[in-house]
Amino acid sequence: MNQINIKPVPVELVGETLMNISPLYLLSTVASKLPIAVLLDVKGRIGDWLASGGKETDPYIWQQVAYAQKVYATMRGGEKG
């Protein structure tokens, strides 16, 4: 039997990778599960921000993603309010 030698990934690299996740990628993970009104609102706000010169990683974008995730969690019966 052949053994596979898998080396663990250093914790520092895992944390670094997680910190580099795009907020728009995170939004895409819940977008199809959101009510259309919520998705259109978040998309419009993000689009306006980017069109005005904002960056994809600005705190405002993270705020919009957090809102979308909160709506999704509430829909699933998780977080209330």
PDB file of N, CA and C in Angstrom:
ATOM      1  N   MET A   1       0.824  -1.170   0.000  1.00  0.00           N
ATOM      2  CA  MET A   1       0.000   0.000   0.000  1.00  0.00           C
ATOM      3  C   MET A   1       0.879   1.249   0.000  1.00  0.00           C
ATOM      4  N   ASN A   2       0.574   2.177  -0.847  1.00  0.00           N
ATOM      5  CA  ASN A   2       1.319   3.438  -0.898  1.00  0.00           C
ATOM      6  C   ASN A   2       0.764   4.397   0.135  1.00  0.00           C
ATOM      7  N   GLN A   3       1.668   5.038   0.848  1.00  0.00           N
ATOM      8  CA  GLN A   3       1.257   6.050   1.806  1.00  0.00           C
ATOM      9  C   GLN A   3       1.449   7.430   1.192  1.00  0.00           C
ATOM     10  N   ILE A   4       0.508   8.287   1.458  1.00  0.00           N
ATOM     11  CA  ILE A   4       0.608   9.659   0.980  1.00  0.00           C
ATOM     12  C   ILE A   4       1.120  10.503   2.130  1.00  0.00           C
ATOM     13  N   ASN A   5       2.167  11.225   1.860  1.00  0.00           N
ATOM     14  CA  ASN A   5       2.757  12.091   2.873  1.00  0.00           C
ATOM     15  C   ASN A   5       2.230  13.503   2.676  1.00  0.00           C
ATOM     16  N   ILE A   6       1.269  13.884   3.497  1.00  0.00           N
ATOM     17  CA  ILE A   6       0.676  15.222   3.405  1.00  0.00           C
ATOM     18  C   ILE A   6       1.199  16.050   4.566  1.00  0.00           C
ATOM     19  N   LYS A   7       1.834  17.133   4.233  1.00  0.00           N
ATOM     20  CA  LYS A   7       2.370  18.017   5.269  1.00  0.00           C
ATOM     21  C   LYS A   7       1.299  19.019   5.673  1.00  0.00           C
ATOM     22  N   PRO A   8       1.191  19.308   6.965  1.00  0.00           N
ATOM     23  CA  PRO A   8       0.199  20.291   7.407  1.00  0.00           C
ATOM     24  C   PRO A   8       0.554  21.685   6.903  1.00  0.00           C
ATOM     25  N   VAL A   9      -0.474  22.455   6.692  1.00  0.00           N
ATOM     26  CA  VAL A   9      -0.284  23.846   6.270  1.00  0.00           C
ATOM     27  C   VAL A   9      -0.061  24.686   7.520  1.00  0.00           C
ATOM     28  N   PRO A  10       0.976  25.509   7.522  1.00  0.00           N
ATOM     29  CA  PRO A  10       1.217  26.362   8.703  1.00  0.00           C
ATOM     30  C   PRO A  10       0.023  27.265   8.985  1.00  0.00           C
ATOM     31  N   VAL A  11      -0.302  27.400  10.249  1.00  0.00           N
ATOM     32  CA  VAL A  11      -1.450  28.212  10.667  1.00  0.00           C
ATOM     33  C   VAL A  11      -1.339  29.633  10.137  1.00  0.00           C
ATOM     34  N   GLU A  12      -0.130  30.170  10.091  1.00  0.00           N
ATOM     35  CA  GLU A  12       0.045  31.542   9.611  1.00  0.00           C
ATOM     36  C   GLU A  12      -0.463  31.705   8.182  1.00  0.00           C
ATOM     37  N   LEU A  13      -0.235  30.691   7.357  1.00  0.00           N
ATOM     38  CA  LEU A  13      -0.677  30.763   5.963  1.00  0.00           C
ATOM     39  C   LEU A  13      -2.191  30.653   5.848  1.00  0.00           C
ATOM     40  N   VAL A  14      -2.798  29.854   6.699  1.00  0.00           N
ATOM     41  CA  VAL A  14      -4.254  29.719   6.665  1.00  0.00           C
ATOM     42  C   VAL A  14      -4.894  31.052   7.004  1.00  0.00           C
ATOM     43  N   GLY A  15      -4.441  31.683   8.070  1.00  0.00           N
ATOM     44  CA  GLY A  15      -4.979  32.984   8.453  1.00  0.00           C
ATOM     45  C   GLY A  15      -4.770  34.026   7.376  1.00  0.00           C
ATOM     46  N   GLU A  16      -3.602  34.009   6.749  1.00  0.00           N
ATOM     47  CA  GLU A  16      -3.299  34.963   5.683  1.00  0.00           C
ATOM     48  C   GLU A  16      -4.227  34.754   4.496  1.00  0.00           C
ATOM     49  N   THR A  17      -4.479  33.513   4.153  1.00  0.00           N
ATOM     50  CA  THR A  17      -5.374  33.211   3.038  1.00  0.00           C
ATOM     51  C   THR A  17      -6.781  33.680   3.338  1.00  0.00           C
ATOM     52  N   LEU A  18      -7.259  33.431   4.545  1.00  0.00           N
ATOM     53  CA  LEU A  18      -8.606  33.865   4.908  1.00  0.00           C
ATOM     54  C   LEU A  18      -8.738  35.378   4.888  1.00  0.00           C
ATOM     55  N   MET A  19      -7.675  36.070   5.241  1.00  0.00           N
ATOM     56  CA  MET A  19      -7.727  37.529   5.243  1.00  0.00           C
ATOM     57  C   MET A  19      -7.756  38.101   3.831  1.00  0.00           C
ATOM     58  N   ASN A  20      -7.368  37.307   2.856  1.00  0.00           N
ATOM     59  CA  ASN A  20      -7.323  37.784   1.481  1.00  0.00           C
ATOM     60  C   ASN A  20      -8.567  37.420   0.681  1.00  0.00           C
ATOM     61  N   ILE A  21      -9.591  36.906   1.331  1.00  0.00           N
ATOM     62  CA  ILE A  21     -10.820  36.564   0.622  1.00  0.00           C
ATOM     63  C   ILE A  21     -11.540  37.851   0.229  1.00  0.00           C
ATOM     64  N   SER A  22     -11.973  37.899  -1.001  1.00  0.00           N
ATOM     65  CA  SER A  22     -12.680  39.063  -1.512  1.00  0.00           C
ATOM     66  C   SER A  22     -14.079  39.144  -0.893  1.00  0.00           C
ATOM     67  N   PRO A  23     -14.498  40.345  -0.484  1.00  0.00           N
ATOM     68  CA  PRO A  23     -15.853  40.482   0.034  1.00  0.00           C
ATOM     69  C   PRO A  23     -16.894  40.132  -1.028  1.00  0.00           C
ATOM     70  N   LEU A  24     -16.590  40.402  -2.281  1.00  0.00           N
ATOM     71  CA  LEU A  24     -17.548  40.078  -3.336  1.00  0.00           C
ATOM     72  C   LEU A  24     -17.663  38.565  -3.527  1.00  0.00           C
ATOM     73  N   TYR A  25     -16.575  37.843  -3.274  1.00  0.00           N
ATOM     74  CA  TYR A  25     -16.649  36.381  -3.310  1.00  0.00           C
ATOM     75  C   TYR A  25     -17.573  35.890  -2.198  1.00  0.00           C
ATOM     76  N   LEU A  26     -17.417  36.445  -1.000  1.00  0.00           N
ATOM     77  CA  LEU A  26     -18.288  36.048   0.105  1.00  0.00           C
ATOM     78  C   LEU A  26     -19.748  36.351  -0.211  1.00  0.00           C
ATOM     79  N   LEU A  27     -19.994  37.490  -0.826  1.00  0.00           N
ATOM     80  CA  LEU A  27     -21.361  37.835  -1.218  1.00  0.00           C
ATOM     81  C   LEU A  27     -21.903  36.811  -2.203  1.00  0.00           C
ATOM     82  N   SER A  28     -21.074  36.371  -3.113  1.00  0.00           N
ATOM     83  CA  SER A  28     -21.539  35.407  -4.122  1.00  0.00           C
ATOM     84  C   SER A  28     -21.942  34.070  -3.513  1.00  0.00           C
ATOM     85  N   THR A  29     -21.441  33.765  -2.310  1.00  0.00           N
ATOM     86  CA  THR A  29     -21.788  32.494  -1.683  1.00  0.00           C
ATOM     87  C   THR A  29     -23.218  32.471  -1.154  1.00  0.00           C
ATOM     88  N   VAL A  30     -23.814  33.634  -0.940  1.00  0.00           N
ATOM     89  CA  VAL A  30     -25.197  33.685  -0.446  1.00  0.00           C
ATOM     90  C   VAL A  30     -26.146  34.381  -1.408  1.00  0.00           C
ATOM     91  N   ALA A  31     -25.627  34.992  -2.443  1.00  0.00           N
ATOM     92  CA  ALA A  31     -26.434  35.832  -3.337  1.00  0.00           C
ATOM     93  C   ALA A  31     -27.659  35.111  -3.891  1.00  0.00           C
ATOM     94  N   SER A  32     -27.511  33.895  -4.322  1.00  0.00           N
ATOM     95  CA  SER A  32     -28.634  33.185  -4.947  1.00  0.00           C
ATOM     96  C   SER A  32     -29.701  32.786  -3.935  1.00  0.00           C
ATOM     97  N   LYS A  33     -29.404  32.908  -2.656  1.00  0.00           N
ATOM     98  CA  LYS A  33     -30.350  32.504  -1.614  1.00  0.00           C
ATOM     99  C   LYS A  33     -31.059  33.701  -0.970  1.00  0.00           C
ATOM    100  N   LEU A  34     -30.711  34.895  -1.404  1.00  0.00           N
ATOM    101  CA  LEU A  34     -31.298  36.107  -0.835  1.00  0.00           C
ATOM    102  C   LEU A  34     -32.575  36.502  -1.570  1.00  0.00           C
ATOM    103  N   PRO A  35     -33.477  37.193  -0.890  1.00  0.00           N
ATOM    104  CA  PRO A  35     -34.633  37.766  -1.594  1.00  0.00           C
ATOM    105  C   PRO A  35     -34.118  38.742  -2.658  1.00  0.00           C
ATOM    106  N   ILE A  36     -34.773  38.790  -3.778  1.00  0.00           N
ATOM    107  CA  ILE A  36     -34.314  39.616  -4.894  1.00  0.00           C
ATOM    108  C   ILE A  36     -34.202  41.084  -4.496  1.00  0.00           C
ATOM    109  N   ALA A  37     -35.114  41.569  -3.648  1.00  0.00           N
ATOM    110  CA  ALA A  37     -35.057  42.976  -3.234  1.00  0.00           C
ATOM    111  C   ALA A  37     -33.780  43.261  -2.453  1.00  0.00           C
ATOM    112  N   VAL A  38     -33.374  42.344  -1.592  1.00  0.00           N
ATOM    113  CA  VAL A  38     -32.145  42.514  -0.819  1.00  0.00           C
ATOM    114  C   VAL A  38     -30.944  42.482  -1.752  1.00  0.00           C
ATOM    115  N   LEU A  39     -30.924  41.509  -2.651  1.00  0.00           N
ATOM    116  CA  LEU A  39     -29.804  41.378  -3.569  1.00  0.00           C
ATOM    117  C   LEU A  39     -29.669  42.615  -4.464  1.00  0.00           C
ATOM    118  N   LEU A  40     -30.774  43.104  -4.979  1.00  0.00           N
ATOM    119  CA  LEU A  40     -30.719  44.295  -5.834  1.00  0.00           C
ATOM    120  C   LEU A  40     -30.254  45.524  -5.052  1.00  0.00           C
ATOM    121  N   ASP A  41     -30.696  45.640  -3.805  1.00  0.00           N
ATOM    122  CA  ASP A  41     -30.274  46.771  -2.979  1.00  0.00           C
ATOM    123  C   ASP A  41     -28.768  46.720  -2.722  1.00  0.00           C
ATOM    124  N   VAL A  42     -28.275  45.569  -2.300  1.00  0.00           N
ATOM    125  CA  VAL A  42     -26.847  45.424  -2.014  1.00  0.00           C
ATOM    126  C   VAL A  42     -26.031  45.624  -3.288  1.00  0.00           C
ATOM    127  N   LYS A  43     -26.490  45.036  -4.381  1.00  0.00           N
ATOM    128  CA  LYS A  43     -25.775  45.183  -5.658  1.00  0.00           C
ATOM    129  C   LYS A  43     -25.722  46.657  -6.076  1.00  0.00           C
ATOM    130  N   GLY A  44     -26.825  47.368  -5.922  1.00  0.00           N
ATOM    131  CA  GLY A  44     -26.863  48.785  -6.284  1.00  0.00           C
ATOM    132  C   GLY A  44     -25.927  49.620  -5.428  1.00  0.00           C
ATOM    133  N   ARG A  45     -25.925  49.352  -4.127  1.00  0.00           N
ATOM    134  CA  ARG A  45     -25.052  50.106  -3.219  1.00  0.00           C
ATOM    135  C   ARG A  45     -23.581  49.852  -3.544  1.00  0.00           C
ATOM    136  N   ILE A  46     -23.244  48.570  -3.770  1.00  0.00           N
ATOM    137  CA  ILE A  46     -21.857  48.234  -4.097  1.00  0.00           C
ATOM    138  C   ILE A  46     -21.465  48.845  -5.441  1.00  0.00           C
ATOM    139  N   GLY A  47     -22.359  48.753  -6.420  1.00  0.00           N
ATOM    140  CA  GLY A  47     -22.081  49.324  -7.741  1.00  0.00           C
ATOM    141  C   GLY A  47     -21.855  50.825  -7.677  1.00  0.00           C
ATOM    142  N   ASP A  48     -22.690  51.514  -6.905  1.00  0.00           N
ATOM    143  CA  ASP A  48     -22.537  52.960  -6.745  1.00  0.00           C
ATOM    144  C   ASP A  48     -21.210  53.300  -6.070  1.00  0.00           C
ATOM    145  N   TRP A  49     -20.858  52.523  -5.060  1.00  0.00           N
ATOM    146  CA  TRP A  49     -19.604  52.761  -4.342  1.00  0.00           C
ATOM    147  C   TRP A  49     -18.402  52.609  -5.274  1.00  0.00           C
ATOM    148  N   LEU A  50     -18.407  51.514  -6.028  1.00  0.00           N
ATOM    149  CA  LEU A  50     -17.286  51.257  -6.935  1.00  0.00           C
ATOM    150  C   LEU A  50     -17.236  52.303  -8.052  1.00  0.00           C
ATOM    151  N   ALA A  51     -18.403  52.715  -8.548  1.00  0.00           N
ATOM    152  CA  ALA A  51     -18.457  53.708  -9.628  1.00  0.00           C
ATOM    153  C   ALA A  51     -17.947  55.073  -9.158  1.00  0.00           C
ATOM    154  N   SER A  52     -18.081  55.332  -7.851  1.00  0.00           N
ATOM    155  CA  SER A  52     -17.622  56.623  -7.328  1.00  0.00           C
ATOM    156  C   SER A  52     -16.141  56.606  -6.953  1.00  0.00           C
ATOM    157  N   GLY A  53     -15.456  55.514  -7.270  1.00  0.00           N
ATOM    158  CA  GLY A  53     -14.022  55.439  -7.015  1.00  0.00           C
ATOM    159  C   GLY A  53     -13.628  54.597  -5.817  1.00  0.00           C
ATOM    160  N   GLY A  54     -14.626  54.012  -5.141  1.00  0.00           N
ATOM    161  CA  GLY A  54     -14.312  53.161  -3.997  1.00  0.00           C
ATOM    162  C   GLY A  54     -13.648  51.870  -4.442  1.00  0.00           C
ATOM    163  N   LYS A  55     -13.054  51.198  -3.481  1.00  0.00           N
ATOM    164  CA  LYS A  55     -12.367  49.939  -3.759  1.00  0.00           C
ATOM    165  C   LYS A  55     -13.187  48.765  -3.264  1.00  0.00           C
ATOM    166  N   GLU A  56     -12.967  47.623  -3.884  1.00  0.00           N
ATOM    167  CA  GLU A  56     -13.683  46.389  -3.547  1.00  0.00           C
ATOM    168  C   GLU A  56     -13.456  45.965  -2.096  1.00  0.00           C
ATOM    169  N   THR A  57     -12.347  46.359  -1.512  1.00  0.00           N
ATOM    170  CA  THR A  57     -12.025  45.930  -0.151  1.00  0.00           C
ATOM    171  C   THR A  57     -12.289  47.004   0.907  1.00  0.00           C
ATOM    172  N   ASP A  58     -12.954  48.086   0.538  1.00  0.00           N
ATOM    173  CA  ASP A  58     -13.264  49.151   1.489  1.00  0.00           C
ATOM    174  C   ASP A  58     -14.239  48.649   2.560  1.00  0.00           C
ATOM    175  N   PRO A  59     -14.179  49.250   3.741  1.00  0.00           N
ATOM    176  CA  PRO A  59     -15.094  48.848   4.820  1.00  0.00           C
ATOM    177  C   PRO A  59     -16.574  48.919   4.416  1.00  0.00           C
ATOM    178  N   TYR A  60     -16.928  49.862   3.580  1.00  0.00           N
ATOM    179  CA  TYR A  60     -18.327  49.968   3.146  1.00  0.00           C
ATOM    180  C   TYR A  60     -18.779  48.703   2.417  1.00  0.00           C
ATOM    181  N   ILE A  61     -17.917  48.138   1.601  1.00  0.00           N
ATOM    182  CA  ILE A  61     -18.255  46.898   0.880  1.00  0.00           C
ATOM    183  C   ILE A  61     -18.425  45.762   1.883  1.00  0.00           C
ATOM    184  N   TRP A  62     -17.516  45.678   2.852  1.00  0.00           N
ATOM    185  CA  TRP A  62     -17.632  44.646   3.890  1.00  0.00           C
ATOM    186  C   TRP A  62     -18.939  44.807   4.661  1.00  0.00           C
ATOM    187  N   GLN A  63     -19.359  46.041   4.889  1.00  0.00           N
ATOM    188  CA  GLN A  63     -20.612  46.300   5.596  1.00  0.00           C
ATOM    189  C   GLN A  63     -21.797  45.754   4.798  1.00  0.00           C
ATOM    190  N   GLN A  64     -21.786  45.960   3.499  1.00  0.00           N
ATOM    191  CA  GLN A  64     -22.865  45.453   2.656  1.00  0.00           C
ATOM    192  C   GLN A  64     -22.901  43.921   2.640  1.00  0.00           C
ATOM    193  N   VAL A  65     -21.726  43.314   2.601  1.00  0.00           N
ATOM    194  CA  VAL A  65     -21.634  41.855   2.618  1.00  0.00           C
ATOM    195  C   VAL A  65     -22.133  41.320   3.963  1.00  0.00           C
ATOM    196  N   ALA A  66     -21.751  41.985   5.045  1.00  0.00           N
ATOM    197  CA  ALA A  66     -22.204  41.571   6.377  1.00  0.00           C
ATOM    198  C   ALA A  66     -23.728  41.643   6.475  1.00  0.00           C
ATOM    199  N   TYR A  67     -24.311  42.686   5.908  1.00  0.00           N
ATOM    200  CA  TYR A  67     -25.774  42.817   5.889  1.00  0.00           C
ATOM    201  C   TYR A  67     -26.407  41.649   5.136  1.00  0.00           C
ATOM    202  N   ALA A  68     -25.881  41.338   3.960  1.00  0.00           N
ATOM    203  CA  ALA A  68     -26.419  40.231   3.164  1.00  0.00           C
ATOM    204  C   ALA A  68     -26.292  38.915   3.926  1.00  0.00           C
ATOM    205  N   GLN A  69     -25.169  38.694   4.582  1.00  0.00           N
ATOM    206  CA  GLN A  69     -24.982  37.472   5.355  1.00  0.00           C
ATOM    207  C   GLN A  69     -25.940  37.415   6.540  1.00  0.00           C
ATOM    208  N   LYS A  70     -26.210  38.564   7.153  1.00  0.00           N
ATOM    209  CA  LYS A  70     -27.134  38.614   8.285  1.00  0.00           C
ATOM    210  C   LYS A  70     -28.556  38.297   7.834  1.00  0.00           C
ATOM    211  N   VAL A  71     -28.947  38.838   6.685  1.00  0.00           N
ATOM    212  CA  VAL A  71     -30.274  38.519   6.140  1.00  0.00           C
ATOM    213  C   VAL A  71     -30.375  37.020   5.867  1.00  0.00           C
ATOM    214  N   TYR A  72     -29.361  36.453   5.267  1.00  0.00           N
ATOM    215  CA  TYR A  72     -29.351  35.030   4.971  1.00  0.00           C
ATOM    216  C   TYR A  72     -29.430  34.197   6.247  1.00  0.00           C
ATOM    217  N   ALA A  73     -28.636  34.571   7.266  1.00  0.00           N
ATOM    218  CA  ALA A  73     -28.661  33.838   8.532  1.00  0.00           C
ATOM    219  C   ALA A  73     -30.038  33.911   9.183  1.00  0.00           C
ATOM    220  N   THR A  74     -30.675  35.084   9.128  1.00  0.00           N
ATOM    221  CA  THR A  74     -31.998  35.251   9.698  1.00  0.00           C
ATOM    222  C   THR A  74     -33.017  34.384   8.958  1.00  0.00           C
ATOM    223  N   MET A  75     -32.904  34.343   7.645  1.00  0.00           N
ATOM    224  CA  MET A  75     -33.815  33.514   6.841  1.00  0.00           C
ATOM    225  C   MET A  75     -33.691  32.038   7.210  1.00  0.00           C
ATOM    226  N   ARG A  76     -32.497  31.629   7.553  1.00  0.00           N
ATOM    227  CA  ARG A  76     -32.254  30.230   7.907  1.00  0.00           C
ATOM    228  C   ARG A  76     -32.633  29.925   9.346  1.00  0.00           C
ATOM    229  N   GLY A  77     -33.107  30.946  10.066  1.00  0.00           N
ATOM    230  CA  GLY A  77     -33.511  30.734  11.437  1.00  0.00           C
ATOM    231  C   GLY A  77     -32.399  30.930  12.444  1.00  0.00           C
ATOM    232  N   GLY A  78     -31.296  31.486  11.966  1.00  0.00           N
ATOM    233  CA  GLY A  78     -30.154  31.718  12.855  1.00  0.00           C
ATOM    234  C   GLY A  78     -30.327  33.012  13.614  1.00  0.00           C
ATOM    235  N   GLU A  79     -29.490  33.952  13.304  1.00  0.00           N
ATOM    236  CA  GLU A  79     -29.460  35.233  13.985  1.00  0.00           C
ATOM    237  C   GLU A  79     -30.791  35.954  13.826  1.00  0.00           C
ATOM    238  N   LYS A  80     -31.269  36.496  14.916  1.00  0.00           N
ATOM    239  CA  LYS A  80     -32.538  37.249  14.904  1.00  0.00           C
ATOM    240  C   LYS A  80     -32.236  38.739  14.978  1.00  0.00           C
ATOM    241  N   GLY A  81     -32.780  39.480  14.003  1.00  0.00           N
ATOM    242  CA  GLY A  81     -32.618  40.932  14.040  1.00  0.00           C
ATOM    243  C   GLY A  81     -31.396  41.369  13.471  1.00  0.00           C
TER     244      GLY A  81
END
